[in-house]
Protein backbone atom coordinates (compact mmCIF):
# COMPACT_ATOMS: atom_id res chain seq x y z
CA MET A 1 -1.01 38.68 -57.74
CA VAL A 2 0.94 35.90 -59.44
CA THR A 3 1.21 32.42 -57.96
CA ASP A 4 4.33 30.47 -57.04
CA GLU A 5 3.75 28.33 -60.14
CA GLN A 6 3.67 31.43 -62.36
CA VAL A 7 6.90 32.71 -60.81
CA GLU A 8 8.53 29.33 -61.45
CA SER A 9 7.29 29.43 -65.06
CA PHE A 10 8.69 32.93 -65.53
CA ARG A 11 12.10 31.96 -64.20
CA ARG A 12 12.16 28.85 -66.39
CA ASP A 13 10.90 30.40 -69.64
CA GLY A 14 11.94 34.05 -69.26
CA PHE A 15 8.37 35.31 -69.67
CA LEU A 16 4.87 35.01 -68.24
CA ILE A 17 1.68 35.48 -70.29
CA ILE A 18 -1.54 36.56 -68.52
CA GLU A 19 -4.30 36.18 -71.08
CA GLU A 20 -6.74 38.75 -69.72
CA GLY A 21 -7.71 40.93 -66.81
CA LEU A 22 -4.68 43.00 -65.88
CA VAL A 23 -6.47 46.07 -67.32
CA SER A 24 -10.27 46.39 -67.39
CA VAL A 25 -12.21 46.64 -70.64
CA ALA A 26 -13.38 50.15 -69.69
CA ALA A 27 -9.79 51.26 -69.04
CA VAL A 28 -8.67 49.80 -72.38
CA GLU A 29 -11.26 51.96 -74.17
CA LEU A 30 -9.96 55.12 -72.47
CA LEU A 31 -6.36 54.23 -73.21
CA ARG A 32 -7.12 53.69 -76.89
CA GLU A 33 -8.57 57.22 -77.07
CA ARG A 34 -5.47 58.71 -75.46
CA PHE A 35 -3.27 56.62 -77.75
CA ALA A 36 -4.82 58.23 -80.81
CA ALA A 37 -4.38 61.71 -79.30
CA LEU A 38 -0.73 61.08 -78.45
CA PHE A 39 0.12 59.99 -81.98
CA ASP A 40 -1.66 63.10 -83.28
CA GLY A 41 0.69 65.21 -81.15
CA ASP A 42 -1.97 66.11 -78.57
CA TYR A 43 0.07 66.13 -75.34
CA ALA A 44 -2.31 66.75 -72.44
CA THR A 45 0.47 67.75 -70.02
CA GLY A 46 2.15 70.05 -72.54
CA ILE A 47 5.28 67.88 -72.48
CA ALA A 48 6.40 65.78 -75.45
CA PRO A 49 7.49 62.14 -75.05
CA ASP A 50 11.25 61.55 -74.83
CA GLU A 51 11.23 59.79 -78.21
CA VAL A 52 8.76 60.28 -81.05
CA ASN A 53 9.71 57.63 -83.58
CA TRP A 54 6.67 58.13 -85.80
CA LYS A 55 4.76 61.22 -86.91
CA LYS A 56 1.81 61.46 -89.30
CA ASP A 57 2.83 62.83 -92.72
CA ARG A 58 6.51 62.55 -91.73
CA ASP A 59 7.09 58.80 -91.54
CA ARG A 60 6.09 55.80 -93.61
CA ASP A 61 2.70 54.24 -92.94
CA ASP A 62 4.10 50.70 -93.09
CA VAL A 63 6.39 50.96 -90.05
CA THR A 64 5.51 50.43 -86.41
CA ARG A 65 4.53 53.62 -84.63
CA GLN A 66 6.43 54.16 -81.38
CA LEU A 67 6.59 56.75 -78.62
CA CYS A 68 8.84 56.45 -75.57
CA ASN A 69 7.68 57.87 -72.25
CA GLY A 70 4.20 58.79 -73.30
CA TRP A 71 3.44 58.92 -69.58
CA ARG A 72 5.15 62.31 -69.40
CA SER A 73 2.62 63.58 -71.96
CA ASP A 74 -0.64 62.11 -70.67
CA ASP A 75 -1.78 61.35 -67.12
CA LEU A 76 -4.16 58.56 -68.18
CA ILE A 77 -1.30 56.75 -69.91
CA ALA A 78 0.73 57.37 -66.75
CA ALA A 79 -2.01 55.88 -64.57
CA GLN A 80 -1.59 52.57 -66.39
CA VAL A 81 2.16 52.28 -66.98
CA LEU A 82 2.89 53.47 -63.42
CA SER A 83 0.30 51.26 -61.72
CA GLU A 84 1.11 49.74 -58.35
CA THR A 85 -0.20 46.35 -59.49
CA THR A 86 2.26 46.22 -62.38
CA GLY A 87 5.07 47.23 -60.05
CA ARG A 88 4.19 44.53 -57.50
CA ILE A 89 4.00 41.77 -60.09
CA ALA A 90 7.30 42.79 -61.71
CA ALA A 91 9.01 42.84 -58.31
CA ARG A 92 7.69 39.37 -57.50
CA LEU A 93 8.83 37.92 -60.82
CA GLY A 94 12.25 39.58 -60.70
CA GLY A 95 12.89 38.89 -57.04
CA TYR A 96 13.20 42.64 -56.40
CA ARG A 97 12.33 44.40 -53.12
CA GLY A 98 10.68 47.12 -55.20
CA THR A 99 10.41 48.56 -58.71
CA ARG A 100 10.67 51.95 -60.37
CA MET A 101 9.82 53.11 -63.88
CA LEU A 102 12.68 53.33 -66.35
CA GLN A 103 10.66 54.15 -69.47
CA ASP A 104 7.47 53.25 -71.26
CA ASN A 105 6.72 52.48 -74.90
CA CYS A 106 3.51 53.19 -76.78
CA LEU A 107 3.48 50.80 -79.75
CA TRP A 108 0.97 50.82 -82.61
CA LYS A 109 1.05 48.36 -85.50
CA PRO A 110 -1.81 48.99 -87.97
CA PRO A 111 -2.54 46.29 -90.57
CA GLY A 112 0.32 45.98 -93.05
CA THR A 113 3.04 47.40 -90.82
CA LYS A 114 6.45 45.77 -90.82
CA SER A 115 8.34 43.91 -88.12
CA LEU A 116 10.37 44.92 -85.08
CA GLY A 117 13.67 43.06 -84.80
CA MET A 118 14.52 40.47 -82.19
CA HIS A 119 16.50 41.92 -79.28
CA GLN A 120 17.23 41.75 -75.56
CA ASP A 121 16.25 44.82 -73.53
CA GLY A 122 19.25 44.30 -71.29
CA SER A 123 21.62 44.90 -74.21
CA TYR A 124 20.70 48.60 -74.06
CA ALA A 125 20.85 48.99 -70.25
CA GLY A 126 24.60 49.49 -69.80
CA TYR A 127 24.02 53.02 -68.48
CA LEU A 128 22.29 51.52 -65.42
CA SER A 129 23.62 49.72 -62.35
CA PRO A 130 22.49 46.97 -62.23
CA PRO A 131 21.83 46.76 -66.02
CA GLU A 132 18.57 44.80 -65.80
CA MET A 133 14.78 45.18 -65.77
CA ILE A 134 11.44 43.40 -65.92
CA THR A 135 9.13 44.50 -68.74
CA CYS A 136 5.33 44.44 -68.78
CA TRP A 137 3.65 44.46 -72.23
CA VAL A 138 -0.11 45.21 -72.14
CA ALA A 139 -2.33 44.60 -75.17
CA LEU A 140 -4.97 47.19 -76.02
CA ASP A 141 -6.33 44.96 -78.79
CA GLU A 142 -6.92 41.23 -79.08
CA THR A 143 -3.74 39.69 -80.48
CA PHE A 144 -3.16 36.94 -83.02
CA ALA A 145 -0.09 35.04 -84.17
CA GLN A 146 -0.39 36.63 -87.65
CA GLY A 147 -1.19 40.08 -86.27
CA GLY A 148 2.31 41.25 -85.47
CA THR A 149 2.05 40.36 -81.79
CA ILE A 150 5.16 40.22 -79.60
CA GLU A 151 6.98 36.87 -79.68
CA TYR A 152 9.37 35.45 -77.08
CA VAL A 153 12.14 32.90 -77.46
CA ARG A 154 11.61 30.45 -74.64
CA GLY A 155 14.56 30.16 -72.26
CA SER A 156 16.68 32.75 -74.07
CA HIS A 157 17.14 34.75 -70.84
CA LEU A 158 19.65 32.03 -69.94
CA TRP A 159 21.77 32.77 -73.04
CA PRO A 160 24.67 35.25 -73.01
CA LYS A 161 23.83 38.94 -73.39
CA ALA A 162 24.13 40.04 -77.03
CA PRO A 163 25.73 43.39 -77.96
CA PRO A 164 23.25 46.18 -78.83
CA ASP A 165 22.34 46.60 -82.49
CA ARG A 166 20.28 49.77 -82.89
CA GLY A 167 20.33 49.63 -86.68
CA SER A 168 18.22 46.46 -87.05
CA PHE A 169 15.28 47.26 -84.79
CA HIS A 170 12.74 49.18 -86.90
CA ALA A 171 11.48 47.34 -90.02
CA PRO A 172 14.58 45.18 -90.61
CA GLU A 173 14.91 42.99 -93.70
CA ASN A 174 14.97 39.92 -91.44
CA TRP A 175 13.59 40.51 -87.96
CA LEU A 176 14.86 37.12 -86.77
CA ALA A 177 18.47 37.70 -87.89
CA PRO A 178 19.75 38.67 -84.39
CA LEU A 179 19.05 35.12 -83.28
CA ASP A 180 21.54 33.69 -85.76
CA GLY A 181 24.63 34.72 -83.85
CA ALA A 182 23.09 34.55 -80.40
CA THR A 183 21.58 31.07 -80.25
CA PRO A 184 23.84 28.60 -78.39
CA GLU A 185 25.13 25.66 -80.40
CA GLY A 186 22.69 22.78 -80.53
CA VAL A 187 19.69 24.88 -79.46
CA ASP A 188 16.61 25.14 -81.70
CA PRO A 189 14.94 28.47 -80.75
CA GLU A 190 11.28 28.08 -79.76
CA ARG A 191 9.27 31.22 -80.56
CA VAL A 192 6.09 31.81 -78.54
CA PRO A 193 3.59 34.42 -79.80
CA VAL A 194 1.63 36.31 -77.15
CA VAL A 195 -2.06 35.70 -77.87
CA VAL A 196 -4.23 37.58 -75.37
CA LYS A 197 -7.47 39.52 -75.01
CA PRO A 198 -7.51 43.34 -74.70
CA GLY A 199 -6.17 44.09 -71.23
CA GLY A 200 -4.12 40.90 -71.20
CA CYS A 201 -0.38 41.15 -70.79
CA ALA A 202 3.01 39.51 -70.73
CA PHE A 203 6.01 40.08 -68.46
CA HIS A 204 9.53 39.28 -69.62
CA HIS A 205 13.11 39.18 -68.33
CA SER A 206 15.59 41.75 -69.65
CA LEU A 207 17.63 39.05 -71.45
CA THR A 208 14.67 37.31 -73.09
CA PHE A 209 14.87 37.68 -76.86
CA HIS A 210 11.68 39.18 -78.26
CA GLY A 211 10.37 41.03 -81.30
CA SER A 212 7.37 41.01 -83.60
CA GLY A 213 6.68 40.10 -87.19
CA ALA A 214 4.64 42.04 -89.72
CA ASN A 215 0.96 42.65 -88.98
CA GLU A 216 -0.63 40.44 -91.63
CA SER A 217 -4.11 40.72 -90.11
CA GLU A 218 -6.89 43.27 -90.68
CA VAL A 219 -6.89 44.57 -87.09
CA GLU A 220 -4.89 47.12 -85.11
CA ARG A 221 -2.22 46.00 -82.65
CA ARG A 222 -1.67 48.57 -79.92
CA ALA A 223 0.31 47.96 -76.74
CA LEU A 224 1.55 49.83 -73.68
CA VAL A 225 4.91 48.76 -72.28
CA SER A 226 6.47 49.44 -68.86
CA HIS A 227 10.20 48.81 -68.41
CA LEU A 228 10.71 48.49 -64.65
CA VAL A 229 14.05 48.37 -62.83
CA PRO A 230 14.94 47.34 -59.26
CA VAL A 231 14.12 50.16 -56.85
CA GLU A 232 17.78 50.55 -55.84
CA THR A 233 18.98 51.05 -59.45
CA ARG A 234 21.38 53.94 -60.03
CA PHE A 235 23.05 55.44 -63.05
CA HIS A 236 26.34 53.85 -64.07
CA PRO A 237 29.24 56.14 -63.11
CA GLU A 238 30.82 55.99 -66.57
CA ASN A 239 28.41 54.62 -69.18
CA THR A 240 25.79 56.95 -70.59
CA ASP A 241 22.69 56.81 -72.77
CA LEU A 242 22.23 59.40 -75.50
CA ILE A 243 18.72 60.28 -74.28
CA TYR A 244 18.03 59.05 -70.76
CA SER A 245 21.28 60.10 -69.13
CA ARG A 246 19.99 63.67 -69.48
CA TYR A 247 18.08 62.95 -66.25
CA ARG A 248 21.28 62.22 -64.30
CA ARG A 249 22.17 65.05 -61.93
CA ARG A 250 25.75 66.33 -61.63
CA ASN A 251 27.78 64.32 -59.10
CA ASP A 252 24.71 62.24 -58.20
CA LEU A 253 24.03 58.75 -59.55
CA SER A 254 20.62 58.35 -57.91
CA MET A 255 17.47 58.25 -60.04
CA ASP A 256 15.15 61.19 -59.37
CA GLU A 257 11.60 60.05 -58.54
CA SER A 258 10.15 62.86 -60.64
CA PHE A 259 11.45 61.02 -63.72
CA PHE A 260 11.91 57.45 -62.44
CA PRO A 261 9.09 57.02 -59.90
CA VAL A 262 8.85 54.12 -57.46
CA LEU A 263 5.78 52.03 -58.35
CA TRP A 264 5.96 49.67 -55.39
CA ASP A 265 8.31 48.84 -52.53
CA GLU A 266 8.06 46.01 -50.02
CA ASP A 267 8.02 48.60 -47.21
CA GLY A 268 4.92 50.21 -48.72
CA ALA A 269 6.76 53.12 -50.31
CA ARG A 270 5.51 54.59 -53.58
CA SER A 271 6.45 57.95 -55.05
CA ALA A 272 4.05 60.40 -53.39
CA TRP A 273 3.14 62.30 -56.56
CA LEU A 274 1.66 59.17 -58.15
CA GLY A 275 -1.34 59.70 -55.88
CA GLU A 276 -2.23 62.76 -57.99
CA LEU A 277 -2.83 60.66 -61.11
CA PRO A 278 -6.41 59.89 -62.21
CA SER A 279 -7.84 56.45 -61.45
CA LEU A 280 -8.64 54.10 -64.31
CA PRO A 281 -11.94 52.16 -64.14
């Protein structure tokens, strides 16, 4: 678990980097294998991810490959992104009494792939109440500053929330452009690249600006991301999301644990079906 000093660092900077050890080396190897299968369209559960933003022979090779909610398609991916440890740490950092899964991301940046634009996750959470989350980003490869790793802007979680800009996320001309209108007057943004070993990770606040530059290295950059919301989160009664509001039941704003499972709760609760998932080494 994280220390008081790490919690203080997170709340000051808007992120916490853990250089290694969240995921074992053996588990990383298994997850890499399942990653390749997912991006080949091999869905072990027979269910496709909610978003498939890259397909072989359909999309350009120089853009970041992304799937959203790969956990619905593969139980080994689910075992990692829905882990109790991740849920406990996110709750501690966010000051939540518990956490539940909102969505995951499977991100793959081969050498030569372009950037992902700077953004705040919270800008896209208006369909939730409260519209916030803690995100865990887990590296499946060793990361380098020139390898297209995720970068945070220190302290930017204390800035105002920027409006969503969906058009400048994938391979923008200038991935840092969103900072131009968002940076408070007199502030010089400090970008911090996440440099970790395979199995290392970073947690960030929903208002922390982050993105990644082009992968200028000769190595892969694969990552698994868990976006975790407070356990009491509900759907907003009026605002909707084009994709994820499909899981909102009629006349019911609660979040169904079949689709938004509880990873950890201070009372010991955890969605019962998570016990059916395989264990990672």
